[in-house]
Amino acid sequence: MEVELTNQNFEEEIMNSSLPALVDFWAEWCGPCKVSLSHIEEIAKEYQGRLKVCKVNVDKSPEIAIRFSVMSIPTFMIFKEGKVMKKRVGAMSKEDLEKFIQPYL
């Protein structure tokens, strides 16, 4: 299951999470974001209970994108214990996403 992050729930869902979190910064108008969408959904199902998968719509929650210096989308970040562990810009295949998250599980 994916969690849509907003200014209201970001602290609780990410900063206070006991699980590592994959955060996808995206927008509805972003073509490359749509390419990664099905991969994100699969990752959320397959890693349920081991990884929190979250999305930030940069148009609806620009403050979060600004806070983490997101200048291009899609941008993927891994958070662990409230800290950004890794950041990558650009669409990724499912295989690339798995390689991206694996060290933090």
Protein backbone atom coordinates (compact mmCIF):
# COMPACT_ATOMS: atom_id res chain seq x y z
CA MET A 1 0.00 0.00 0.00
CA GLU A 2 1.23 3.46 -0.88
CA VAL A 3 0.82 6.47 1.38
CA GLU A 4 0.17 9.90 -0.11
CA LEU A 5 2.29 12.33 1.88
CA THR A 6 1.11 15.84 2.73
CA ASN A 7 2.35 18.58 5.00
CA GLN A 8 -0.05 17.23 7.63
CA ASN A 9 1.19 13.62 7.72
CA PHE A 10 4.84 13.82 6.62
CA GLU A 11 6.36 13.93 10.11
CA GLU A 12 4.31 10.99 11.36
CA GLU A 13 4.69 8.82 8.25
CA ILE A 14 8.39 9.45 7.49
CA MET A 15 10.28 11.10 10.32
CA ASN A 16 8.74 8.87 13.01
CA SER A 17 8.58 5.65 10.98
CA SER A 18 10.22 2.48 12.27
CA LEU A 19 10.38 1.16 8.69
CA PRO A 20 12.63 2.50 5.95
CA ALA A 21 10.62 4.51 3.42
CA LEU A 22 10.82 4.93 -0.33
CA VAL A 23 9.43 8.35 -1.25
CA ASP A 24 8.45 9.13 -4.84
CA PHE A 25 8.21 12.85 -5.67
CA TRP A 26 5.92 13.14 -8.71
CA ALA A 27 3.23 15.15 -10.52
CA GLU A 28 0.22 14.15 -12.62
CA TRP A 29 1.55 15.96 -15.71
CA CYS A 30 4.96 14.23 -15.55
CA GLY A 31 5.41 11.57 -18.26
CA PRO A 32 8.46 9.86 -16.72
CA CYS A 33 6.61 9.72 -13.38
CA LYS A 34 3.85 7.69 -15.02
CA VAL A 35 6.43 5.23 -16.38
CA SER A 36 7.56 4.42 -12.83
CA LEU A 37 4.04 4.24 -11.37
CA SER A 38 3.42 0.52 -11.97
CA HIS A 39 6.88 -0.33 -10.60
CA ILE A 40 6.17 1.67 -7.43
CA GLU A 41 2.86 -0.14 -6.97
CA GLU A 42 4.56 -3.55 -7.35
CA ILE A 43 7.32 -2.61 -4.89
CA ALA A 44 4.67 -1.47 -2.37
CA LYS A 45 2.93 -4.86 -2.54
CA GLU A 46 6.05 -7.02 -2.57
CA TYR A 47 7.85 -5.24 0.27
CA GLN A 48 4.82 -4.63 2.50
CA GLY A 49 5.83 -4.85 6.15
CA ARG A 50 9.51 -4.22 5.35
CA LEU A 51 9.32 -0.92 3.45
CA LYS A 52 6.92 1.99 3.55
CA VAL A 53 6.21 3.30 0.04
CA CYS A 54 5.06 6.90 -0.14
CA LYS A 55 4.33 9.51 -2.77
CA VAL A 56 4.56 13.29 -2.70
CA ASN A 57 2.58 15.15 -5.35
CA VAL A 58 4.84 18.19 -5.78
CA ASP A 59 1.92 20.31 -7.02
CA LYS A 60 -0.20 19.59 -3.94
CA SER A 61 2.65 19.62 -1.38
CA PRO A 62 5.38 21.88 -2.78
CA GLU A 63 6.72 22.64 0.70
CA ILE A 64 7.95 19.05 1.10
CA ALA A 65 9.68 19.17 -2.29
CA ILE A 66 11.35 22.47 -1.37
CA ARG A 67 12.39 21.13 2.04
CA PHE A 68 14.30 18.28 0.36
CA SER A 69 15.60 20.31 -2.60
CA VAL A 70 13.63 18.41 -5.23
CA MET A 71 14.24 20.28 -8.48
CA SER A 72 13.30 17.59 -11.04
CA ILE A 73 10.79 14.77 -11.04
CA PRO A 74 10.53 11.94 -10.61
CA THR A 75 12.87 12.01 -7.64
CA PHE A 76 13.18 9.00 -5.37
CA MET A 77 14.51 9.12 -1.82
CA ILE A 78 15.13 6.48 0.81
CA PHE A 79 14.49 7.61 4.38
CA LYS A 80 15.63 5.62 7.39
CA GLU A 81 15.13 6.79 10.97
CA GLY A 82 14.01 10.17 9.64
CA LYS A 83 17.12 10.79 7.54
CA VAL A 84 17.60 10.83 3.77
CA MET A 85 19.90 7.91 3.02
CA LYS A 86 19.91 8.09 -0.77
CA LYS A 87 18.44 10.23 -3.56
CA ARG A 88 18.02 9.57 -7.26
CA VAL A 89 16.46 11.66 -10.02
CA GLY A 90 14.78 10.11 -13.05
CA ALA A 91 12.50 7.22 -13.91
CA MET A 92 13.68 3.77 -12.84
CA SER A 93 12.84 0.23 -13.85
CA LYS A 94 11.54 -2.14 -11.18
CA GLU A 95 14.96 -3.80 -11.10
CA ASP A 96 16.68 -0.44 -10.55
CA LEU A 97 14.22 0.45 -7.79
CA GLU A 98 14.94 -2.85 -6.04
CA LYS A 99 18.69 -2.21 -6.22
CA PHE A 100 18.05 1.31 -4.89
CA ILE A 101 16.13 0.14 -1.80
CA GLN A 102 17.87 -3.17 -1.02
CA PRO A 103 20.76 -1.83 1.13
CA TYR A 104 18.27 -0.15 3.50
CA LEU A 105 15.93 -3.06 4.21
